[in-house]
Amino acid sequence: MRKLKQVQTTLREWKMAANAVARTSHPILAHIIPMRRCNLACTYCNEFDDSSKPVPVEEVHRWTDKLAELGTSIITISGGEPLMHPQLEAIIAHIRKRRMLVGLISNGYLMSKQRIHSLNEAGLEHLQISIDNVQPDNVSMKSLKVLDKKLGYLAECADFKVNINSVLGSGIRNPEDALQIGRRAVELGFTCTVGVIHDDVGHLKPLSSREIEIFNQLKAMGKRGYSRINRYFQENLAKGKPNSWRCRAGARYLYICEEGRVHYCSQQRGYPGIPIEDYTDEDIRREYLTEKSCAPYCTISCVHQASMADFWRDPQTSAPYVAQPFTPPEKEPEGELVQFDT
């Protein structure tokens, strides 16, 4: 049954990819944030707080309905920590009812066998868990030591696809941790990806020679997975160099915050800032043709992936929006994660 469900998901993914190439007028991927609160406080993260209430499920359903109306192919639920939302399974089930692919990004702490079965029943198709180190430290508690038991539960019980993301770069004391995490992911039958963490002022620095070696080993290790589509971006970003591409954020990729507003991405919150329920085909076309000044050093892999279908066509002719890095009101980010596929 598990294999059959994953094959069905793969067929839906191929249908989505064909539709993305055939049509440019719809969003490929939308991230929604039904819960900004998180049960952890990783020092590099600027995407959480410790007090927000969950967005009412009826409101999230309205977002989902509008995204379906716009022709969205995939919705990924993120946060904060989405497993803290008391009606997460209802959100997942509603997305599936509207015939869109559904994924989840979680720190994994609240995962249990019972919760995995509940997510299976709701129709979840993809899960990503980021693991930052082997032993927890003052930067991140998302460690293999803490989460390995949860990974075992997923290998045993999950009907959905699972990807494990590890990290390299500034602030990571032991780059070999990423290799150990990747090996464990593959051992359990999961896909694996690797990310690069910025320094404490948000700069993307080239990886060291040893980190490059590990990066290449992880690329060879993870030979499958839908995230492989953004391989074009990997080598330059790993070397701290820019990429030349057409970012379609606001059109092919939408980031819906907990207030229900559309933003370019998690790191460029504030524009266009239109409520999703008021978003139109005209908004999508405008942003599709608008150049983004932050694109050359963009590290948001989901935006890369959603934009790749249009890499070869439709030059962006509108004046660029001069984006500024998002800074939360009370907490300066100490770094940022960028996912590379392997």
C-alpha atoms as a PDB file:
ATOM      1  CA  MET A   1       0.000   0.000   0.000  1.00  0.00           C
ATOM      2  CA  ARG A   2       2.835   2.407   0.860  1.00  0.00           C
ATOM      3  CA  LYS A   3       4.587   1.843  -2.481  1.00  0.00           C
ATOM      4  CA  LEU A   4       1.323   2.260  -4.374  1.00  0.00           C
ATOM      5  CA  LYS A   5       0.610   5.607  -2.683  1.00  0.00           C
ATOM      6  CA  GLN A   6       4.108   6.883  -3.432  1.00  0.00           C
ATOM      7  CA  VAL A   7       3.820   5.801  -7.082  1.00  0.00           C
ATOM      8  CA  GLN A   8       0.510   7.659  -7.297  1.00  0.00           C
ATOM      9  CA  THR A   9       2.213  10.743  -5.841  1.00  0.00           C
ATOM     10  CA  THR A  10       4.993  10.478  -8.424  1.00  0.00           C
ATOM     11  CA  LEU A  11       2.440  10.294 -11.253  1.00  0.00           C
ATOM     12  CA  ARG A  12       0.730  13.413  -9.874  1.00  0.00           C
ATOM     13  CA  GLU A  13       4.124  15.156  -9.768  1.00  0.00           C
ATOM     14  CA  TRP A  14       4.799  14.354 -13.423  1.00  0.00           C
ATOM     15  CA  LYS A  15       1.378  15.667 -14.380  1.00  0.00           C
ATOM     16  CA  MET A  16       2.117  18.855 -12.411  1.00  0.00           C
ATOM     17  CA  ALA A  17       5.481  19.253 -14.173  1.00  0.00           C
ATOM     18  CA  ALA A  18       3.889  18.888 -17.618  1.00  0.00           C
ATOM     19  CA  ASN A  19       1.261  21.467 -16.716  1.00  0.00           C
ATOM     20  CA  ALA A  20       3.959  23.862 -15.491  1.00  0.00           C
ATOM     21  CA  VAL A  21       5.737  23.712 -18.844  1.00  0.00           C
ATOM     22  CA  ALA A  22       2.506  24.012 -20.838  1.00  0.00           C
ATOM     23  CA  ARG A  23       1.079  27.028 -18.962  1.00  0.00           C
ATOM     24  CA  THR A  24       2.668  30.087 -17.331  1.00  0.00           C
ATOM     25  CA  SER A  25      -0.451  31.623 -15.825  1.00  0.00           C
ATOM     26  CA  HIS A  26      -0.731  29.658 -12.577  1.00  0.00           C
ATOM     27  CA  PRO A  27       1.317  29.230  -9.374  1.00  0.00           C
ATOM     28  CA  ILE A  28       3.334  26.026  -9.232  1.00  0.00           C
ATOM     29  CA  LEU A  29       4.094  26.128  -5.507  1.00  0.00           C
ATOM     30  CA  ALA A  30       2.602  28.006  -2.555  1.00  0.00           C
ATOM     31  CA  HIS A  31       3.898  28.006   1.010  1.00  0.00           C
ATOM     32  CA  ILE A  32       1.285  28.658   3.675  1.00  0.00           C
ATOM     33  CA  ILE A  33       1.944  29.491   7.335  1.00  0.00           C
ATOM     34  CA  PRO A  34      -1.010  28.408   9.516  1.00  0.00           C
ATOM     35  CA  MET A  35       1.173  28.484  12.661  1.00  0.00           C
ATOM     36  CA  ARG A  36       3.998  30.991  13.241  1.00  0.00           C
ATOM     37  CA  ARG A  37       4.707  29.700  16.739  1.00  0.00           C
ATOM     38  CA  CYS A  38       7.487  27.141  17.161  1.00  0.00           C
ATOM     39  CA  ASN A  39       8.475  24.801  19.970  1.00  0.00           C
ATOM     40  CA  LEU A  40      12.188  25.479  19.274  1.00  0.00           C
ATOM     41  CA  ALA A  41      14.304  28.641  18.974  1.00  0.00           C
ATOM     42  CA  CYS A  42      17.147  27.996  16.513  1.00  0.00           C
ATOM     43  CA  THR A  43      19.419  31.034  16.523  1.00  0.00           C
ATOM     44  CA  TYR A  44      19.662  31.337  12.715  1.00  0.00           C
ATOM     45  CA  CYS A  45      15.886  31.310  12.160  1.00  0.00           C
ATOM     46  CA  ASN A  46      13.739  34.430  11.627  1.00  0.00           C
ATOM     47  CA  GLU A  47      10.542  32.569  10.744  1.00  0.00           C
ATOM     48  CA  PHE A  48       9.003  31.891  14.165  1.00  0.00           C
ATOM     49  CA  ASP A  49       7.768  33.340  17.440  1.00  0.00           C
ATOM     50  CA  ASP A  50       6.838  31.773  20.763  1.00  0.00           C
ATOM     51  CA  SER A  51       3.375  33.217  21.292  1.00  0.00           C
ATOM     52  CA  SER A  52       1.229  33.244  18.123  1.00  0.00           C
ATOM     53  CA  LYS A  53      -2.076  31.429  18.068  1.00  0.00           C
ATOM     54  CA  PRO A  54      -2.917  29.032  15.221  1.00  0.00           C
ATOM     55  CA  VAL A  55      -4.718  30.529  12.255  1.00  0.00           C
ATOM     56  CA  PRO A  56      -8.372  29.363  12.375  1.00  0.00           C
ATOM     57  CA  VAL A  57      -8.874  26.380  10.098  1.00  0.00           C
ATOM     58  CA  GLU A  58     -11.772  28.081   8.293  1.00  0.00           C
ATOM     59  CA  GLU A  59      -9.444  30.912   7.285  1.00  0.00           C
ATOM     60  CA  VAL A  60      -6.793  28.493   6.045  1.00  0.00           C
ATOM     61  CA  HIS A  61      -9.468  26.709   4.004  1.00  0.00           C
ATOM     62  CA  ARG A  62     -10.313  30.035   2.343  1.00  0.00           C
ATOM     63  CA  TRP A  63      -6.637  30.467   1.401  1.00  0.00           C
ATOM     64  CA  THR A  64      -6.612  26.947  -0.010  1.00  0.00           C
ATOM     65  CA  ASP A  65      -9.791  27.512  -1.998  1.00  0.00           C
ATOM     66  CA  LYS A  66      -8.340  30.687  -3.527  1.00  0.00           C
ATOM     67  CA  LEU A  67      -5.074  28.935  -4.378  1.00  0.00           C
ATOM     68  CA  ALA A  68      -7.069  26.177  -6.088  1.00  0.00           C
ATOM     69  CA  GLU A  69      -9.008  28.836  -8.012  1.00  0.00           C
ATOM     70  CA  LEU A  70      -5.673  30.301  -9.207  1.00  0.00           C
ATOM     71  CA  GLY A  71      -4.629  26.847 -10.460  1.00  0.00           C
ATOM     72  CA  THR A  72      -1.908  26.150  -7.866  1.00  0.00           C
ATOM     73  CA  SER A  73      -0.235  22.760  -8.228  1.00  0.00           C
ATOM     74  CA  ILE A  74       1.436  22.233  -4.830  1.00  0.00           C
ATOM     75  CA  ILE A  75       0.871  23.610  -1.333  1.00  0.00           C
ATOM     76  CA  THR A  76       3.567  23.194   1.312  1.00  0.00           C
ATOM     77  CA  ILE A  77       2.608  23.823   4.932  1.00  0.00           C
ATOM     78  CA  SER A  78       5.325  25.438   7.004  1.00  0.00           C
ATOM     79  CA  GLY A  79       5.810  27.638  10.057  1.00  0.00           C
ATOM     80  CA  GLY A  80       6.879  28.079  12.826  1.00  0.00           C
ATOM     81  CA  GLU A  81       6.114  24.470  13.580  1.00  0.00           C
ATOM     82  CA  PRO A  82       2.969  23.312  11.734  1.00  0.00           C
ATOM     83  CA  LEU A  83       2.583  20.168  13.876  1.00  0.00           C
ATOM     84  CA  MET A  84       1.544  22.549  16.677  1.00  0.00           C
ATOM     85  CA  HIS A  85      -1.619  23.478  14.748  1.00  0.00           C
ATOM     86  CA  PRO A  86      -4.489  21.542  16.362  1.00  0.00           C
ATOM     87  CA  GLN A  87      -6.289  21.027  13.037  1.00  0.00           C
ATOM     88  CA  LEU A  88      -3.340  20.357  10.753  1.00  0.00           C
ATOM     89  CA  GLU A  89      -4.828  17.135   9.408  1.00  0.00           C
ATOM     90  CA  ALA A  90      -8.019  18.969   8.424  1.00  0.00           C
ATOM     91  CA  ILE A  91      -5.899  21.477   6.484  1.00  0.00           C
ATOM     92  CA  ILE A  92      -4.078  18.662   4.680  1.00  0.00           C
ATOM     93  CA  ALA A  93      -7.319  16.845   3.864  1.00  0.00           C
ATOM     94  CA  HIS A  94      -8.862  20.019   2.442  1.00  0.00           C
ATOM     95  CA  ILE A  95      -5.842  20.611   0.187  1.00  0.00           C
ATOM     96  CA  ARG A  96      -6.152  17.051  -1.128  1.00  0.00           C
ATOM     97  CA  LYS A  97      -9.898  17.571  -1.616  1.00  0.00           C
ATOM     98  CA  ARG A  98      -9.049  20.537  -3.856  1.00  0.00           C
ATOM     99  CA  ARG A  99      -6.798  18.196  -5.902  1.00  0.00           C
ATOM    100  CA  MET A 100      -3.455  19.817  -5.095  1.00  0.00           C
ATOM    101  CA  LEU A 101      -0.250  18.096  -3.978  1.00  0.00           C
ATOM    102  CA  VAL A 102       0.477  18.701  -0.291  1.00  0.00           C
ATOM    103  CA  GLY A 103       3.749  18.775   1.620  1.00  0.00           C
ATOM    104  CA  LEU A 104       4.859  19.613   5.146  1.00  0.00           C
ATOM    105  CA  ILE A 105       8.061  21.113   6.579  1.00  0.00           C
ATOM    106  CA  SER A 106       8.601  20.228  10.249  1.00  0.00           C
ATOM    107  CA  ASN A 107      11.347  20.029  12.859  1.00  0.00           C
ATOM    108  CA  GLY A 108      10.049  16.544  13.693  1.00  0.00           C
ATOM    109  CA  TYR A 109      10.014  16.946  17.470  1.00  0.00           C
ATOM    110  CA  LEU A 110       6.276  16.298  17.786  1.00  0.00           C
ATOM    111  CA  MET A 111       6.262  13.289  15.473  1.00  0.00           C
ATOM    112  CA  SER A 112       4.941  10.028  16.895  1.00  0.00           C
ATOM    113  CA  LYS A 113       3.581   6.793  15.432  1.00  0.00           C
ATOM    114  CA  GLN A 114       0.052   7.958  16.137  1.00  0.00           C
ATOM    115  CA  ARG A 115       0.687  11.310  14.434  1.00  0.00           C
ATOM    116  CA  ILE A 116       2.241   9.629  11.398  1.00  0.00           C
ATOM    117  CA  HIS A 117      -0.826   7.423  10.978  1.00  0.00           C
ATOM    118  CA  SER A 118      -2.997  10.526  11.299  1.00  0.00           C
ATOM    119  CA  LEU A 119      -0.988  12.290   8.588  1.00  0.00           C
ATOM    120  CA  ASN A 120      -1.309   9.187   6.395  1.00  0.00           C
ATOM    121  CA  GLU A 121      -5.080   9.256   6.784  1.00  0.00           C
ATOM    122  CA  ALA A 122      -5.220  12.990   5.992  1.00  0.00           C
ATOM    123  CA  GLY A 123      -3.383  12.376   2.699  1.00  0.00           C
ATOM    124  CA  LEU A 124       0.019  13.978   3.266  1.00  0.00           C
ATOM    125  CA  GLU A 125       2.333  13.340   0.296  1.00  0.00           C
ATOM    126  CA  HIS A 126       5.678  14.900   1.260  1.00  0.00           C
ATOM    127  CA  LEU A 127       7.498  15.631   4.519  1.00  0.00           C
ATOM    128  CA  GLN A 128      10.792  17.450   4.995  1.00  0.00           C
ATOM    129  CA  ILE A 129      12.698  17.474   8.285  1.00  0.00           C
ATOM    130  CA  SER A 130      15.854  19.571   8.691  1.00  0.00           C
ATOM    131  CA  ILE A 131      18.556  18.152  10.956  1.00  0.00           C
ATOM    132  CA  ASP A 132      21.393  20.565  11.715  1.00  0.00           C
ATOM    133  CA  ASN A 133      23.854  18.491  13.737  1.00  0.00           C
ATOM    134  CA  VAL A 134      24.504  15.107  15.340  1.00  0.00           C
ATOM    135  CA  GLN A 135      24.541  16.444  18.910  1.00  0.00           C
ATOM    136  CA  PRO A 136      22.342  19.386  19.994  1.00  0.00           C
ATOM    137  CA  ASP A 137      24.112  22.682  20.702  1.00  0.00           C
ATOM    138  CA  ASN A 138      23.320  26.345  21.425  1.00  0.00           C
ATOM    139  CA  VAL A 139      22.652  27.050  17.718  1.00  0.00           C
ATOM    140  CA  SER A 140      20.146  24.268  17.066  1.00  0.00           C
ATOM    141  CA  MET A 141      18.405  21.481  18.942  1.00  0.00           C
ATOM    142  CA  LYS A 142      17.485  19.753  15.665  1.00  0.00           C
ATOM    143  CA  SER A 143      19.999  16.961  16.135  1.00  0.00           C
ATOM    144  CA  LEU A 144      20.235  13.404  14.871  1.00  0.00           C
ATOM    145  CA  LYS A 145      20.608  12.207  18.469  1.00  0.00           C
ATOM    146  CA  VAL A 146      17.216  13.648  19.403  1.00  0.00           C
ATOM    147  CA  LEU A 147      15.387  12.874  16.169  1.00  0.00           C
ATOM    148  CA  ASP A 148      16.717   9.451  15.172  1.00  0.00           C
ATOM    149  CA  LYS A 149      13.921   7.621  16.986  1.00  0.00           C
ATOM    150  CA  LYS A 150      11.375   9.775  15.132  1.00  0.00           C
ATOM    151  CA  LEU A 151      13.055   8.911  11.836  1.00  0.00           C
ATOM    152  CA  GLY A 152      12.653   5.247  12.686  1.00  0.00           C
ATOM    153  CA  TYR A 153       8.942   5.783  13.216  1.00  0.00           C
ATOM    154  CA  LEU A 154       8.707   7.461   9.798  1.00  0.00           C
ATOM    155  CA  ALA A 155      10.585   4.638   8.072  1.00  0.00           C
ATOM    156  CA  GLU A 156       8.221   2.141   9.666  1.00  0.00           C
ATOM    157  CA  CYS A 157       4.894   3.921   9.318  1.00  0.00           C
ATOM    158  CA  ALA A 158       4.881   6.784   6.780  1.00  0.00           C
ATOM    159  CA  ASP A 159       3.000   6.317   3.512  1.00  0.00           C
ATOM    160  CA  PHE A 160       4.300   9.705   2.278  1.00  0.00           C
ATOM    161  CA  LYS A 161       7.725  10.600   0.871  1.00  0.00           C
ATOM    162  CA  VAL A 162      10.316  11.827   3.395  1.00  0.00           C
ATOM    163  CA  ASN A 163      13.314  14.078   2.757  1.00  0.00           C
ATOM    164  CA  ILE A 164      16.007  14.869   5.338  1.00  0.00           C
ATOM    165  CA  ASN A 165      17.889  18.160   4.952  1.00  0.00           C
ATOM    166  CA  SER A 166      21.317  18.669   6.583  1.00  0.00           C
ATOM    167  CA  VAL A 167      23.545  21.768   6.656  1.00  0.00           C
ATOM    168  CA  LEU A 168      27.076  23.031   5.961  1.00  0.00           C
ATOM    169  CA  GLY A 169      28.798  26.403   6.324  1.00  0.00           C
ATOM    170  CA  SER A 170      29.276  29.167   8.898  1.00  0.00           C
ATOM    171  CA  GLY A 171      28.235  28.275  12.430  1.00  0.00           C
ATOM    172  CA  ILE A 172      28.390  24.520  11.842  1.00  0.00           C
ATOM    173  CA  ARG A 173      31.154  23.203  14.094  1.00  0.00           C
ATOM    174  CA  ASN A 174      31.401  19.734  12.584  1.00  0.00           C
ATOM    175  CA  PRO A 175      30.800  19.596   8.809  1.00  0.00           C
ATOM    176  CA  GLU A 176      31.115  15.797   8.980  1.00  0.00           C
ATOM    177  CA  ASP A 177      27.736  15.835  10.772  1.00  0.00           C
ATOM    178  CA  ALA A 178      26.027  16.514   7.435  1.00  0.00           C
ATOM    179  CA  LEU A 179      27.566  13.377   5.978  1.00  0.00           C
ATOM    180  CA  GLN A 180      26.443  11.256   8.928  1.00  0.00           C
ATOM    181  CA  ILE A 181      22.923  12.671   8.688  1.00  0.00           C
ATOM    182  CA  GLY A 182      22.783  12.032   4.940  1.00  0.00           C
ATOM    183  CA  ARG A 183      23.973   8.464   5.345  1.00  0.00           C
ATOM    184  CA  ARG A 184      21.340   7.813   7.983  1.00  0.00           C
ATOM    185  CA  ALA A 185      18.623   9.244   5.722  1.00  0.00           C
ATOM    186  CA  VAL A 186      19.596   6.984   2.832  1.00  0.00           C
ATOM    187  CA  GLU A 187      19.889   3.992   5.172  1.00  0.00           C
ATOM    188  CA  LEU A 188      16.269   4.539   6.199  1.00  0.00           C
ATOM    189  CA  GLY A 189      15.099   4.819   2.586  1.00  0.00           C
ATOM    190  CA  PHE A 190      14.617   8.605   2.550  1.00  0.00           C
ATOM    191  CA  THR A 191      15.922  11.204   0.112  1.00  0.00           C
ATOM    192  CA  CYS A 192      18.501  13.661   1.426  1.00  0.00           C
ATOM    193  CA  THR A 193      19.399  17.265   0.662  1.00  0.00           C
ATOM    194  CA  VAL A 194      22.089  19.563   2.015  1.00  0.00           C
ATOM    195  CA  GLY A 195      21.945  23.263   2.879  1.00  0.00           C
ATOM    196  CA  VAL A 196      24.424  26.050   3.546  1.00  0.00           C
ATOM    197  CA  ILE A 197      24.052  28.262   6.572  1.00  0.00           C
ATOM    198  CA  HIS A 198      25.023  31.930   6.316  1.00  0.00           C
ATOM    199  CA  ASP A 199      27.340  33.725   8.729  1.00  0.00           C
ATOM    200  CA  ASP A 200      25.997  35.860  11.576  1.00  0.00           C
ATOM    201  CA  VAL A 201      25.519  38.937   9.363  1.00  0.00           C
ATOM    202  CA  GLY A 202      23.685  37.082   6.620  1.00  0.00           C
ATOM    203  CA  HIS A 203      26.544  36.746   4.116  1.00  0.00           C
ATOM    204  CA  LEU A 204      26.866  33.677   1.927  1.00  0.00           C
ATOM    205  CA  LYS A 205      30.478  32.555   2.191  1.00  0.00           C
ATOM    206  CA  PRO A 206      32.168  29.961  -0.032  1.00  0.00           C
ATOM    207  CA  LEU A 207      32.450  26.515   1.481  1.00  0.00           C
ATOM    208  CA  SER A 208      35.868  25.357   2.654  1.00  0.00           C
ATOM    209  CA  SER A 209      37.708  22.634   0.749  1.00  0.00           C
ATOM    210  CA  ARG A 210      36.610  20.022   3.294  1.00  0.00           C
ATOM    211  CA  GLU A 211      33.002  21.235   3.125  1.00  0.00           C
ATOM    212  CA  ILE A 212      33.124  21.032  -0.682  1.00  0.00           C
ATOM    213  CA  GLU A 213      34.291  17.417  -0.381  1.00  0.00           C
ATOM    214  CA  ILE A 214      31.361  16.605   1.915  1.00  0.00           C
ATOM    215  CA  PHE A 215      28.984  18.551  -0.330  1.00  0.00           C
ATOM    216  CA  ASN A 216      30.047  16.467  -3.340  1.00  0.00           C
ATOM    217  CA  GLN A 217      29.732  13.208  -1.380  1.00  0.00           C
ATOM    218  CA  LEU A 218      26.197  14.146  -0.388  1.00  0.00           C
ATOM    219  CA  LYS A 219      25.330  14.988  -3.980  1.00  0.00           C
ATOM    220  CA  ALA A 220      26.499  11.535  -5.036  1.00  0.00           C
ATOM    221  CA  MET A 221      24.628   9.928  -2.146  1.00  0.00           C
ATOM    222  CA  GLY A 222      21.212  11.418  -2.834  1.00  0.00           C
ATOM    223  CA  LYS A 223      20.534  10.229  -6.366  1.00  0.00           C
ATOM    224  CA  ARG A 224      16.782  10.693  -6.297  1.00  0.00           C
ATOM    225  CA  GLY A 225      14.232  13.259  -5.180  1.00  0.00           C
ATOM    226  CA  TYR A 226      12.124  16.041  -6.695  1.00  0.00           C
ATOM    227  CA  SER A 227      14.433  18.727  -5.244  1.00  0.00           C
ATOM    228  CA  ARG A 228      17.159  17.719  -7.720  1.00  0.00           C
ATOM    229  CA  ILE A 229      15.579  20.140 -10.209  1.00  0.00           C
ATOM    230  CA  ASN A 230      17.541  23.109  -8.781  1.00  0.00           C
ATOM    231  CA  ARG A 231      20.976  21.521  -9.283  1.00  0.00           C
ATOM    232  CA  TYR A 232      21.768  24.378 -11.695  1.00  0.00           C
ATOM    233  CA  PHE A 233      22.105  26.735  -8.714  1.00  0.00           C
ATOM    234  CA  GLN A 234      24.285  24.577  -6.490  1.00  0.00           C
ATOM    235  CA  GLU A 235      27.827  25.035  -7.660  1.00  0.00           C
ATOM    236  CA  ASN A 236      27.808  28.845  -7.795  1.00  0.00           C
ATOM    237  CA  LEU A 237      26.122  29.237  -4.408  1.00  0.00           C
ATOM    238  CA  ALA A 238      28.526  26.760  -2.821  1.00  0.00           C
ATOM    239  CA  LYS A 239      31.362  28.966  -4.115  1.00  0.00           C
ATOM    240  CA  GLY A 240      29.649  32.198  -3.028  1.00  0.00           C
ATOM    241  CA  LYS A 241      29.011  33.252  -6.649  1.00  0.00           C
ATOM    242  CA  PRO A 242      25.805  34.712  -8.163  1.00  0.00           C
ATOM    243  CA  ASN A 243      23.376  32.947 -10.485  1.00  0.00           C
ATOM    244  CA  SER A 244      21.735  34.421 -13.571  1.00  0.00           C
ATOM    245  CA  TRP A 245      18.063  33.447 -13.684  1.00  0.00           C
ATOM    246  CA  ARG A 246      14.497  34.773 -13.774  1.00  0.00           C
ATOM    247  CA  CYS A 247      12.852  34.688 -10.366  1.00  0.00           C
ATOM    248  CA  ARG A 248       9.093  34.191 -10.687  1.00  0.00           C
ATOM    249  CA  ALA A 249       8.247  34.787  -7.016  1.00  0.00           C
ATOM    250  CA  GLY A 250       4.805  36.330  -6.658  1.00  0.00           C
ATOM    251  CA  ALA A 251       3.680  34.346  -9.695  1.00  0.00           C
ATOM    252  CA  ARG A 252       4.932  30.755  -9.903  1.00  0.00           C
ATOM    253  CA  TYR A 253       5.814  30.764  -6.199  1.00  0.00           C
ATOM    254  CA  LEU A 254       3.653  32.357  -3.487  1.00  0.00           C
ATOM    255  CA  TYR A 255       4.457  32.736   0.211  1.00  0.00           C
ATOM    256  CA  ILE A 256       1.292  33.177   2.299  1.00  0.00           C
ATOM    257  CA  CYS A 257       2.032  34.468   5.812  1.00  0.00           C
ATOM    258  CA  GLU A 258      -0.105  33.880   8.886  1.00  0.00           C
ATOM    259  CA  GLU A 259      -2.022  37.082   8.074  1.00  0.00           C
ATOM    260  CA  GLY A 260      -3.044  35.626   4.729  1.00  0.00           C
ATOM    261  CA  ARG A 261      -0.939  38.019   2.634  1.00  0.00           C
ATOM    262  CA  VAL A 262       1.159  37.124  -0.399  1.00  0.00           C
ATOM    263  CA  HIS A 263       4.913  37.790  -0.210  1.00  0.00           C
ATOM    264  CA  TYR A 264       7.837  36.957  -2.494  1.00  0.00           C
ATOM    265  CA  CYS A 265       9.314  34.494   0.013  1.00  0.00           C
ATOM    266  CA  SER A 266      10.147  34.016   3.696  1.00  0.00           C
ATOM    267  CA  GLN A 267      13.130  36.377   3.455  1.00  0.00           C
ATOM    268  CA  GLN A 268      11.382  39.084   1.386  1.00  0.00           C
ATOM    269  CA  ARG A 269       8.219  39.629   3.376  1.00  0.00           C
ATOM    270  CA  GLY A 270       6.371  42.879   2.696  1.00  0.00           C
ATOM    271  CA  TYR A 271       5.787  42.815  -1.054  1.00  0.00           C
ATOM    272  CA  PRO A 272       3.400  42.573  -2.811  1.00  0.00           C
ATOM    273  CA  GLY A 273       1.562  42.238   0.530  1.00  0.00           C
ATOM    274  CA  ILE A 274      -1.828  41.607  -1.082  1.00  0.00           C
ATOM    275  CA  PRO A 275      -4.319  39.370   0.758  1.00  0.00           C
ATOM    276  CA  ILE A 276      -4.431  36.009  -1.004  1.00  0.00           C
ATOM    277  CA  GLU A 277      -8.210  36.230  -1.288  1.00  0.00           C
ATOM    278  CA  ASP A 278      -7.762  39.412  -3.375  1.00  0.00           C
ATOM    279  CA  TYR A 279      -4.906  38.069  -5.521  1.00  0.00           C
ATOM    280  CA  THR A 280      -5.698  38.004  -9.236  1.00  0.00           C
ATOM    281  CA  ASP A 281      -4.395  36.688 -12.533  1.00  0.00           C
ATOM    282  CA  GLU A 282      -3.218  40.247 -13.225  1.00  0.00           C
ATOM    283  CA  ASP A 283      -1.071  40.165 -10.064  1.00  0.00           C
ATOM    284  CA  ILE A 284       0.444  36.870 -11.179  1.00  0.00           C
ATOM    285  CA  ARG A 285       1.253  38.230 -14.639  1.00  0.00           C
ATOM    286  CA  ARG A 286       2.796  41.411 -13.209  1.00  0.00           C
ATOM    287  CA  GLU A 287       5.089  39.521 -10.853  1.00  0.00           C
ATOM    288  CA  TYR A 288       5.911  36.922 -13.510  1.00  0.00           C
ATOM    289  CA  LEU A 289       7.393  39.725 -15.623  1.00  0.00           C
ATOM    290  CA  THR A 290       8.999  41.667 -12.743  1.00  0.00           C
ATOM    291  CA  GLU A 291      12.735  41.341 -12.202  1.00  0.00           C
ATOM    292  CA  LYS A 292      13.868  40.820  -8.597  1.00  0.00           C
ATOM    293  CA  SER A 293      17.097  42.507  -7.510  1.00  0.00           C
ATOM    294  CA  CYS A 294      17.757  39.817  -4.876  1.00  0.00           C
ATOM    295  CA  ALA A 295      17.754  36.990  -7.445  1.00  0.00           C
ATOM    296  CA  PRO A 296      21.522  36.641  -8.145  1.00  0.00           C
ATOM    297  CA  TYR A 297      22.327  35.543  -4.590  1.00  0.00           C
ATOM    298  CA  CYS A 298      18.940  34.038  -3.769  1.00  0.00           C
ATOM    299  CA  THR A 299      19.206  30.985  -1.537  1.00  0.00           C
ATOM    300  CA  ILE A 300      15.544  29.921  -1.441  1.00  0.00           C
ATOM    301  CA  SER A 301      15.536  26.578  -3.226  1.00  0.00           C
ATOM    302  CA  CYS A 302      11.753  26.283  -3.456  1.00  0.00           C
ATOM    303  CA  VAL A 303      11.665  29.537  -5.462  1.00  0.00           C
ATOM    304  CA  HIS A 304      14.433  28.202  -7.714  1.00  0.00           C
ATOM    305  CA  GLN A 305      12.435  25.039  -8.329  1.00  0.00           C
ATOM    306  CA  ALA A 306       9.161  26.843  -9.037  1.00  0.00           C
ATOM    307  CA  SER A 307      10.911  29.199 -11.486  1.00  0.00           C
ATOM    308  CA  MET A 308      12.824  26.583 -13.469  1.00  0.00           C
ATOM    309  CA  ALA A 309       9.882  25.793 -15.774  1.00  0.00           C
ATOM    310  CA  ASP A 310      10.204  29.321 -17.199  1.00  0.00           C
ATOM    311  CA  PHE A 311      13.980  29.694 -17.153  1.00  0.00           C
ATOM    312  CA  TRP A 312      14.189  29.671 -20.942  1.00  0.00           C
ATOM    313  CA  ARG A 313      11.263  31.944 -21.819  1.00  0.00           C
ATOM    314  CA  ASP A 314       9.546  35.277 -21.203  1.00  0.00           C
ATOM    315  CA  PRO A 315      12.255  37.838 -20.343  1.00  0.00           C
ATOM    316  CA  GLN A 316      11.300  40.017 -17.405  1.00  0.00           C
ATOM    317  CA  THR A 317      10.560  43.485 -18.756  1.00  0.00           C
ATOM    318  CA  SER A 318       9.060  45.235 -15.726  1.00  0.00           C
ATOM    319  CA  ALA A 319      11.284  47.452 -13.574  1.00  0.00           C
ATOM    320  CA  PRO A 320      12.891  45.443 -10.780  1.00  0.00           C
ATOM    321  CA  TYR A 321      11.486  45.553  -7.307  1.00  0.00           C
ATOM    322  CA  VAL A 322      14.408  46.486  -5.050  1.00  0.00           C
ATOM    323  CA  ALA A 323      13.945  43.951  -2.289  1.00  0.00           C
ATOM    324  CA  GLN A 324      15.412  44.342   1.189  1.00  0.00           C
ATOM    325  CA  PRO A 325      16.233  41.446   3.536  1.00  0.00           C
ATOM    326  CA  PHE A 326      13.407  40.808   5.968  1.00  0.00           C
ATOM    327  CA  THR A 327      14.270  41.754   9.566  1.00  0.00           C
ATOM    328  CA  PRO A 328      11.837  40.685  12.312  1.00  0.00           C
ATOM    329  CA  PRO A 329      10.923  43.436  14.765  1.00  0.00           C
ATOM    330  CA  GLU A 330      12.485  41.969  17.895  1.00  0.00           C
ATOM    331  CA  LYS A 331      15.016  39.371  16.763  1.00  0.00           C
ATOM    332  CA  GLU A 332      17.930  39.782  14.348  1.00  0.00           C
ATOM    333  CA  PRO A 333      18.607  36.575  12.389  1.00  0.00           C
ATOM    334  CA  GLU A 334      22.023  35.048  12.981  1.00  0.00           C
ATOM    335  CA  GLY A 335      21.948  33.179   9.712  1.00  0.00           C
ATOM    336  CA  GLU A 336      19.794  31.659   7.053  1.00  0.00           C
ATOM    337  CA  LEU A 337      19.486  28.211   5.574  1.00  0.00           C
ATOM    338  CA  VAL A 338      19.625  27.511   1.891  1.00  0.00           C
ATOM    339  CA  GLN A 339      18.676  24.037   0.713  1.00  0.00           C
ATOM    340  CA  PHE A 340      20.681  22.432  -2.066  1.00  0.00           C
ATOM    341  CA  ASP A 341      19.422  19.226  -3.619  1.00  0.00           C
ATOM    342  CA  THR A 342      21.666  16.182  -3.657  1.00  0.00           C
END
